[in-house]
Amino acid sequence: MDLTEFWQLIDSGLSDPEVVLNRIRGLSEQELVDFWWLYQDQIDEVTEPEYTQNFPGHAVSEDDLEDVASWVVQQGRAYYEDVRDNPSKFPGQVPKDAGPSYRGEAVEVYDDRYDDMIRDQDDPPPDGA
């Protein structure tokens, strides 16, 4: 999976997140790894200090910041790029009605199949993958 395919997958869930969740469940081991690391790369782009200005008191835990960044990615490429290019638009929290996490679903599917955390991209696939 490349970045274009990643964003096509994310954007396919804009009207119905279940579409993406179902597609994640059908990804191969390598596609799950690629998906998760591409997701993480996008998160990393929007977790610099300038993105925390909307958090109450500007103090934020790394977990909270990643949760919000993950939600931003899940809103689709256009929204993500707007927030990435305009840090003041980075939300201060995940909305209460955010729904299931695509990133979390990938982790869960991988763990269910391989009884392990998603591997580093340079590591070999688990036995049976």
Protein backbone atom coordinates (compact mmCIF):
# COMPACT_ATOMS: atom_id res chain seq x y z
CA MET A 1 0.00 0.00 0.00
CA ASP A 2 1.34 3.41 -0.93
CA LEU A 3 0.28 6.84 0.30
CA THR A 4 -2.26 7.33 -2.50
CA GLU A 5 -3.92 3.99 -1.71
CA PHE A 6 -3.85 4.86 1.99
CA TRP A 7 -5.75 8.11 1.43
CA GLN A 8 -8.19 6.43 -0.95
CA LEU A 9 -8.96 3.92 1.79
CA ILE A 10 -9.39 6.62 4.45
CA ASP A 11 -11.54 8.79 2.16
CA SER A 12 -13.76 5.82 1.28
CA GLY A 13 -15.13 5.98 4.82
CA LEU A 14 -16.15 9.61 4.87
CA SER A 15 -19.83 8.79 4.55
CA ASP A 16 -19.70 5.37 6.24
CA PRO A 17 -16.75 4.44 8.48
CA GLU A 18 -17.83 0.79 8.40
CA VAL A 19 -16.56 0.66 4.79
CA VAL A 20 -13.02 1.31 6.01
CA LEU A 21 -13.32 -0.99 9.00
CA ASN A 22 -14.41 -3.84 6.74
CA ARG A 23 -11.58 -3.18 4.30
CA ILE A 24 -9.06 -3.12 7.16
CA ARG A 25 -10.32 -6.53 8.28
CA GLY A 26 -9.58 -7.86 4.80
CA LEU A 27 -6.06 -6.48 4.44
CA SER A 28 -3.14 -8.87 4.11
CA GLU A 29 -0.41 -8.91 6.74
CA GLN A 30 1.82 -6.65 4.63
CA GLU A 31 -1.06 -4.29 3.87
CA LEU A 32 -1.89 -4.02 7.60
CA VAL A 33 1.75 -3.17 8.33
CA ASP A 34 1.85 -0.61 5.52
CA PHE A 35 -1.48 0.90 6.58
CA TRP A 36 -0.44 1.25 10.21
CA TRP A 37 2.94 2.82 9.43
CA LEU A 38 1.48 5.20 6.84
CA TYR A 39 -1.11 6.20 9.44
CA GLN A 40 1.66 6.74 11.99
CA ASP A 41 3.63 8.86 9.50
CA GLN A 42 0.61 11.13 9.03
CA ILE A 43 0.13 11.39 12.80
CA ASP A 44 3.78 12.31 13.27
CA GLU A 45 3.38 15.23 10.87
CA VAL A 46 0.73 16.86 13.07
CA THR A 47 2.12 16.26 16.55
CA GLU A 48 4.69 19.03 16.65
CA PRO A 49 4.33 21.66 19.40
CA GLU A 50 2.55 24.18 17.16
CA TYR A 51 -0.42 21.80 16.96
CA THR A 52 -1.09 21.81 20.71
CA GLN A 53 -2.23 25.43 20.92
CA ASN A 54 -5.92 24.44 21.12
CA PHE A 55 -5.45 22.11 24.07
CA PRO A 56 -6.63 23.51 27.40
CA GLY A 57 -3.63 25.20 28.99
CA HIS A 58 -1.51 23.91 26.10
CA ALA A 59 -0.48 20.97 28.32
CA VAL A 60 -1.19 17.67 26.63
CA SER A 61 -0.08 14.09 27.08
CA GLU A 62 1.54 12.27 24.21
CA ASP A 63 -1.36 9.78 24.17
CA ASP A 64 -3.98 12.54 23.99
CA LEU A 65 -2.07 14.28 21.20
CA GLU A 66 -1.81 11.03 19.21
CA ASP A 67 -5.52 10.32 19.73
CA VAL A 68 -6.48 13.71 18.32
CA ALA A 69 -3.96 13.41 15.47
CA SER A 70 -5.34 9.96 14.65
CA TRP A 71 -8.86 11.40 14.54
CA VAL A 72 -7.65 14.20 12.24
CA VAL A 73 -6.22 11.62 9.81
CA GLN A 74 -9.45 9.66 9.94
CA GLN A 75 -11.40 12.72 8.74
CA GLY A 76 -9.89 12.33 5.29
CA ARG A 77 -7.11 13.76 3.22
CA ALA A 78 -8.64 17.21 2.59
CA TYR A 79 -9.35 17.83 6.28
CA TYR A 80 -5.97 16.44 7.32
CA GLU A 81 -4.06 18.59 4.84
CA ASP A 82 -5.98 21.69 5.92
CA VAL A 83 -5.11 21.03 9.57
CA ARG A 84 -1.52 20.11 8.72
CA ASP A 85 -1.10 23.37 6.84
CA ASN A 86 -2.96 25.42 9.48
CA PRO A 87 -1.91 24.23 12.97
CA SER A 88 -4.41 26.61 14.60
CA LYS A 89 -7.18 24.36 13.21
CA PHE A 90 -5.88 21.31 15.13
CA PRO A 91 -8.73 20.39 17.52
CA GLY A 92 -8.23 20.41 21.27
CA GLN A 93 -9.88 17.02 21.74
CA VAL A 94 -11.46 14.09 19.96
CA PRO A 95 -15.23 14.62 19.60
CA LYS A 96 -17.34 12.44 21.88
CA ASP A 97 -19.09 10.89 18.87
CA ALA A 98 -15.84 10.09 17.05
CA GLY A 99 -16.68 6.45 16.43
CA PRO A 100 -14.22 3.59 16.08
CA SER A 101 -10.55 4.20 15.33
CA TYR A 102 -9.18 2.89 12.03
CA ARG A 103 -5.71 2.76 13.54
CA GLY A 104 -7.03 0.84 16.53
CA GLU A 105 -8.89 -1.56 14.24
CA ALA A 106 -5.66 -2.33 12.36
CA VAL A 107 -3.90 -3.10 15.65
CA GLU A 108 -6.77 -5.31 16.79
CA VAL A 109 -6.96 -7.24 13.51
CA TYR A 110 -3.20 -7.80 13.52
CA ASP A 111 -3.23 -8.97 17.13
CA ASP A 112 -6.17 -11.32 16.50
CA ARG A 113 -4.42 -12.89 13.52
CA TYR A 114 -0.82 -13.01 14.67
CA ASP A 115 -1.03 -12.63 18.46
CA ASP A 116 1.49 -9.82 18.30
CA MET A 117 1.84 -6.07 17.86
CA ILE A 118 2.23 -4.71 14.35
CA ARG A 119 5.78 -5.34 13.30
CA ASP A 120 8.34 -2.81 12.24
CA GLN A 121 8.43 -2.48 8.46
CA ASP A 122 11.97 -3.87 8.30
CA ASP A 123 11.17 -6.95 10.38
CA PRO A 124 10.13 -10.19 8.71
CA PRO A 125 6.47 -11.18 8.80
CA PRO A 126 5.37 -13.57 11.53
CA ASP A 127 5.21 -17.29 10.82
CA GLY A 128 2.05 -18.18 8.97
CA ALA A 129 1.63 -14.72 7.46
